[in-house]
Amino acid sequence: MIVSANRSGNWNLFIESAHTMINSHAFPIGKAWLFNRILVVKDRHQQAVSSQISV
């Protein structure tokens, strides 16, 4: 979508699709899932670091 928008110069289509994605109810769910994944990875990393320090 981004490539075709760049090539054709049709930025309105690109912006409209971006707005649709942001406004769709699936976007907050995806954002929450991504945020949870980041927290899980961060938590695991901290546990790994702390376990290395304690050993």
PDB file of N, CA and C in Angstrom:
ATOM      1  N   MET A   1       0.841  -1.206   0.000  1.00  0.00           N
ATOM      2  CA  MET A   1       0.000   0.000   0.000  1.00  0.00           C
ATOM      3  C   MET A   1       0.875   1.254   0.000  1.00  0.00           C
ATOM      4  N   ILE A   2       1.920   1.267   0.825  1.00  0.00           N
ATOM      5  CA  ILE A   2       2.789   2.437   0.898  1.00  0.00           C
ATOM      6  C   ILE A   2       3.535   2.619  -0.424  1.00  0.00           C
ATOM      7  N   VAL A   3       4.015   1.503  -0.981  1.00  0.00           N
ATOM      8  CA  VAL A   3       4.774   1.566  -2.233  1.00  0.00           C
ATOM      9  C   VAL A   3       3.895   2.095  -3.359  1.00  0.00           C
ATOM     10  N   SER A   4       2.666   1.551  -3.458  1.00  0.00           N
ATOM     11  CA  SER A   4       1.762   1.998  -4.517  1.00  0.00           C
ATOM     12  C   SER A   4       1.369   3.463  -4.310  1.00  0.00           C
ATOM     13  N   ALA A   5       1.238   3.872  -3.053  1.00  0.00           N
ATOM     14  CA  ALA A   5       0.897   5.273  -2.776  1.00  0.00           C
ATOM     15  C   ALA A   5       2.051   6.180  -3.185  1.00  0.00           C
ATOM     16  N   ASN A   6       3.279   5.754  -2.918  1.00  0.00           N
ATOM     17  CA  ASN A   6       4.442   6.535  -3.322  1.00  0.00           C
ATOM     18  C   ASN A   6       4.555   6.613  -4.829  1.00  0.00           C
ATOM     19  N   ARG A   7       4.332   5.472  -5.488  1.00  0.00           N
ATOM     20  CA  ARG A   7       4.532   5.399  -6.925  1.00  0.00           C
ATOM     21  C   ARG A   7       3.502   6.247  -7.665  1.00  0.00           C
ATOM     22  N   SER A   8       2.246   6.134  -7.240  1.00  0.00           N
ATOM     23  CA  SER A   8       1.188   6.863  -7.937  1.00  0.00           C
ATOM     24  C   SER A   8       1.035   8.296  -7.426  1.00  0.00           C
ATOM     25  N   GLY A   9       1.592   8.573  -6.284  1.00  0.00           N
ATOM     26  CA  GLY A   9       1.450   9.892  -5.698  1.00  0.00           C
ATOM     27  C   GLY A   9       0.072  10.114  -5.100  1.00  0.00           C
ATOM     28  N   ASN A  10      -0.677   9.032  -4.909  1.00  0.00           N
ATOM     29  CA  ASN A  10      -2.038   9.153  -4.389  1.00  0.00           C
ATOM     30  C   ASN A  10      -1.999   9.042  -2.859  1.00  0.00           C
ATOM     31  N   TRP A  11      -1.626  10.136  -2.205  1.00  0.00           N
ATOM     32  CA  TRP A  11      -1.474  10.119  -0.757  1.00  0.00           C
ATOM     33  C   TRP A  11      -2.814  10.039  -0.039  1.00  0.00           C
ATOM     34  N   ASN A  12      -3.874  10.554  -0.681  1.00  0.00           N
ATOM     35  CA  ASN A  12      -5.195  10.509  -0.053  1.00  0.00           C
ATOM     36  C   ASN A  12      -5.617   9.079   0.227  1.00  0.00           C
ATOM     37  N   LEU A  13      -5.338   8.181  -0.717  1.00  0.00           N
ATOM     38  CA  LEU A  13      -5.692   6.774  -0.549  1.00  0.00           C
ATOM     39  C   LEU A  13      -4.924   6.175   0.616  1.00  0.00           C
ATOM     40  N   PHE A  14      -3.635   6.487   0.692  1.00  0.00           N
ATOM     41  CA  PHE A  14      -2.791   5.975   1.768  1.00  0.00           C
ATOM     42  C   PHE A  14      -3.260   6.481   3.128  1.00  0.00           C
ATOM     43  N   ILE A  15      -3.537   7.785   3.208  1.00  0.00           N
ATOM     44  CA  ILE A  15      -3.983   8.391   4.461  1.00  0.00           C
ATOM     45  C   ILE A  15      -5.331   7.820   4.882  1.00  0.00           C
ATOM     46  N   GLU A  16      -6.211   7.649   3.896  1.00  0.00           N
ATOM     47  CA  GLU A  16      -7.540   7.111   4.173  1.00  0.00           C
ATOM     48  C   GLU A  16      -7.438   5.694   4.722  1.00  0.00           C
ATOM     49  N   SER A  17      -6.575   4.877   4.135  1.00  0.00           N
ATOM     50  CA  SER A  17      -6.407   3.502   4.603  1.00  0.00           C
ATOM     51  C   SER A  17      -5.800   3.476   6.007  1.00  0.00           C
ATOM     52  N   ALA A  18      -4.887   4.413   6.266  1.00  0.00           N
ATOM     53  CA  ALA A  18      -4.280   4.488   7.595  1.00  0.00           C
ATOM     54  C   ALA A  18      -5.327   4.872   8.639  1.00  0.00           C
ATOM     55  N   HIS A  19      -6.183   5.831   8.304  1.00  0.00           N
ATOM     56  CA  HIS A  19      -7.255   6.230   9.213  1.00  0.00           C
ATOM     57  C   HIS A  19      -8.212   5.083   9.473  1.00  0.00           C
ATOM     58  N   THR A  20      -8.536   4.331   8.412  1.00  0.00           N
ATOM     59  CA  THR A  20      -9.436   3.189   8.554  1.00  0.00           C
ATOM     60  C   THR A  20      -8.835   2.170   9.507  1.00  0.00           C
ATOM     61  N   MET A  21      -7.532   1.925   9.370  1.00  0.00           N
ATOM     62  CA  MET A  21      -6.852   0.958  10.212  1.00  0.00           C
ATOM     63  C   MET A  21      -6.872   1.418  11.672  1.00  0.00           C
ATOM     64  N   ILE A  22      -6.594   2.707  11.879  1.00  0.00           N
ATOM     65  CA  ILE A  22      -6.537   3.249  13.240  1.00  0.00           C
ATOM     66  C   ILE A  22      -7.923   3.249  13.876  1.00  0.00           C
ATOM     67  N   ASN A  23      -8.952   3.585  13.075  1.00  0.00           N
ATOM     68  CA  ASN A  23     -10.303   3.699  13.613  1.00  0.00           C
ATOM     69  C   ASN A  23     -10.994   2.351  13.775  1.00  0.00           C
ATOM     70  N   SER A  24     -10.491   1.315  13.107  1.00  0.00           N
ATOM     71  CA  SER A  24     -11.134   0.008  13.209  1.00  0.00           C
ATOM     72  C   SER A  24     -10.973  -0.536  14.626  1.00  0.00           C
ATOM     73  N   HIS A  25     -11.952  -1.301  15.079  1.00  0.00           N
ATOM     74  CA  HIS A  25     -11.939  -1.806  16.460  1.00  0.00           C
ATOM     75  C   HIS A  25     -10.835  -2.829  16.663  1.00  0.00           C
ATOM     76  N   ALA A  26     -10.297  -3.392  15.590  1.00  0.00           N
ATOM     77  CA  ALA A  26      -9.234  -4.388  15.717  1.00  0.00           C
ATOM     78  C   ALA A  26      -7.905  -3.741  16.105  1.00  0.00           C
ATOM     79  N   PHE A  27      -7.746  -2.467  15.787  1.00  0.00           N
ATOM     80  CA  PHE A  27      -6.458  -1.811  16.039  1.00  0.00           C
ATOM     81  C   PHE A  27      -6.115  -1.743  17.530  1.00  0.00           C
ATOM     82  N   PRO A  28      -7.036  -1.281  18.419  1.00  0.00           N
ATOM     83  CA  PRO A  28      -6.705  -1.257  19.853  1.00  0.00           C
ATOM     84  C   PRO A  28      -6.382  -2.642  20.397  1.00  0.00           C
ATOM     85  N   ILE A  29      -7.078  -3.676  19.882  1.00  0.00           N
ATOM     86  CA  ILE A  29      -6.796  -5.037  20.334  1.00  0.00           C
ATOM     87  C   ILE A  29      -5.383  -5.430  19.936  1.00  0.00           C
ATOM     88  N   GLY A  30      -5.017  -5.121  18.703  1.00  0.00           N
ATOM     89  CA  GLY A  30      -3.672  -5.423  18.234  1.00  0.00           C
ATOM     90  C   GLY A  30      -2.624  -4.646  19.008  1.00  0.00           C
ATOM     91  N   LYS A  31      -2.937  -3.391  19.310  1.00  0.00           N
ATOM     92  CA  LYS A  31      -2.009  -2.558  20.064  1.00  0.00           C
ATOM     93  C   LYS A  31      -1.829  -3.112  21.476  1.00  0.00           C
ATOM     94  N   ALA A  32      -2.924  -3.530  22.095  1.00  0.00           N
ATOM     95  CA  ALA A  32      -2.854  -4.094  23.440  1.00  0.00           C
ATOM     96  C   ALA A  32      -2.051  -5.397  23.428  1.00  0.00           C
ATOM     97  N   TRP A  33      -2.267  -6.222  22.394  1.00  0.00           N
ATOM     98  CA  TRP A  33      -1.535  -7.480  22.285  1.00  0.00           C
ATOM     99  C   TRP A  33      -0.048  -7.206  22.145  1.00  0.00           C
ATOM    100  N   LEU A  34       0.301  -6.241  21.290  1.00  0.00           N
ATOM    101  CA  LEU A  34       1.700  -5.894  21.071  1.00  0.00           C
ATOM    102  C   LEU A  34       2.322  -5.372  22.363  1.00  0.00           C
ATOM    103  N   PHE A  35       1.594  -4.526  23.075  1.00  0.00           N
ATOM    104  CA  PHE A  35       2.082  -3.974  24.335  1.00  0.00           C
ATOM    105  C   PHE A  35       2.340  -5.085  25.353  1.00  0.00           C
ATOM    106  N   ASN A  36       1.399  -6.059  25.420  1.00  0.00           N
ATOM    107  CA  ASN A  36       1.567  -7.197  26.320  1.00  0.00           C
ATOM    108  C   ASN A  36       2.795  -8.014  25.948  1.00  0.00           C
ATOM    109  N   ARG A  37       2.998  -8.225  24.659  1.00  0.00           N
ATOM    110  CA  ARG A  37       4.170  -8.983  24.204  1.00  0.00           C
ATOM    111  C   ARG A  37       5.449  -8.270  24.625  1.00  0.00           C
ATOM    112  N   ILE A  38       5.468  -6.949  24.474  1.00  0.00           N
ATOM    113  CA  ILE A  38       6.653  -6.176  24.853  1.00  0.00           C
ATOM    114  C   ILE A  38       6.912  -6.320  26.355  1.00  0.00           C
ATOM    115  N   LEU A  39       5.842  -6.236  27.165  1.00  0.00           N
ATOM    116  CA  LEU A  39       6.000  -6.370  28.613  1.00  0.00           C
ATOM    117  C   LEU A  39       6.508  -7.756  28.986  1.00  0.00           C
ATOM    118  N   VAL A  40       5.977  -8.787  28.322  1.00  0.00           N
ATOM    119  CA  VAL A  40       6.404 -10.159  28.615  1.00  0.00           C
ATOM    120  C   VAL A  40       7.881 -10.336  28.291  1.00  0.00           C
ATOM    121  N   VAL A  41       8.287  -9.857  27.136  1.00  0.00           N
ATOM    122  CA  VAL A  41       9.690  -9.976  26.729  1.00  0.00           C
ATOM    123  C   VAL A  41      10.582  -9.202  27.693  1.00  0.00           C
ATOM    124  N   LYS A  42      10.152  -8.006  28.063  1.00  0.00           N
ATOM    125  CA  LYS A  42      10.915  -7.170  28.985  1.00  0.00           C
ATOM    126  C   LYS A  42      11.044  -7.853  30.342  1.00  0.00           C
ATOM    127  N   ASP A  43       9.940  -8.442  30.815  1.00  0.00           N
ATOM    128  CA  ASP A  43       9.929  -9.125  32.103  1.00  0.00           C
ATOM    129  C   ASP A  43      10.866 -10.319  32.070  1.00  0.00           C
ATOM    130  N   ARG A  44      10.812 -11.108  31.008  1.00  0.00           N
ATOM    131  CA  ARG A  44      11.701 -12.265  30.875  1.00  0.00           C
ATOM    132  C   ARG A  44      13.154 -11.833  30.850  1.00  0.00           C
ATOM    133  N   HIS A  45      13.431 -10.722  30.167  1.00  0.00           N
ATOM    134  CA  HIS A  45      14.797 -10.215  30.082  1.00  0.00           C
ATOM    135  C   HIS A  45      15.296  -9.808  31.468  1.00  0.00           C
ATOM    136  N   GLN A  46      14.450  -9.128  32.234  1.00  0.00           N
ATOM    137  CA  GLN A  46      14.825  -8.705  33.584  1.00  0.00           C
ATOM    138  C   GLN A  46      15.064  -9.928  34.478  1.00  0.00           C
ATOM    139  N   GLN A  47      14.219 -10.960  34.345  1.00  0.00           N
ATOM    140  CA  GLN A  47      14.403 -12.171  35.130  1.00  0.00           C
ATOM    141  C   GLN A  47      15.721 -12.843  34.780  1.00  0.00           C
ATOM    142  N   ALA A  48      16.043 -12.890  33.484  1.00  0.00           N
ATOM    143  CA  ALA A  48      17.294 -13.508  33.040  1.00  0.00           C
ATOM    144  C   ALA A  48      18.493 -12.738  33.577  1.00  0.00           C
ATOM    145  N   VAL A  49      18.400 -11.415  33.528  1.00  0.00           N
ATOM    146  CA  VAL A  49      19.500 -10.577  34.019  1.00  0.00           C
ATOM    147  C   VAL A  49      19.670 -10.752  35.525  1.00  0.00           C
ATOM    148  N   SER A  50      18.558 -10.731  36.271  1.00  0.00           N
ATOM    149  CA  SER A  50      18.642 -10.851  37.724  1.00  0.00           C
ATOM    150  C   SER A  50      19.135 -12.237  38.136  1.00  0.00           C
ATOM    151  N   SER A  51      18.769 -13.289  37.387  1.00  0.00           N
ATOM    152  CA  SER A  51      19.227 -14.627  37.717  1.00  0.00           C
ATOM    153  C   SER A  51      20.727 -14.761  37.450  1.00  0.00           C
ATOM    154  N   GLN A  52      21.224 -14.063  36.431  1.00  0.00           N
ATOM    155  CA  GLN A  52      22.662 -14.080  36.149  1.00  0.00           C
ATOM    156  C   GLN A  52      23.429 -13.378  37.260  1.00  0.00           C
ATOM    157  N   ILE A  53      22.854 -12.289  37.767  1.00  0.00           N
ATOM    158  CA  ILE A  53      23.516 -11.525  38.825  1.00  0.00           C
ATOM    159  C   ILE A  53      23.564 -12.337  40.119  1.00  0.00           C
ATOM    160  N   SER A  54      22.465 -13.044  40.441  1.00  0.00           N
ATOM    161  CA  SER A  54      22.400 -13.774  41.702  1.00  0.00           C
ATOM    162  C   SER A  54      23.304 -15.009  41.690  1.00  0.00           C
ATOM    163  N   VAL A  55      23.597 -15.533  40.495  1.00  0.00           N
ATOM    164  CA  VAL A  55      24.458 -16.735  40.398  1.00  0.00           C
ATOM    165  C   VAL A  55      25.915 -16.358  40.449  1.00  0.00           C
TER     166      VAL A  55
END
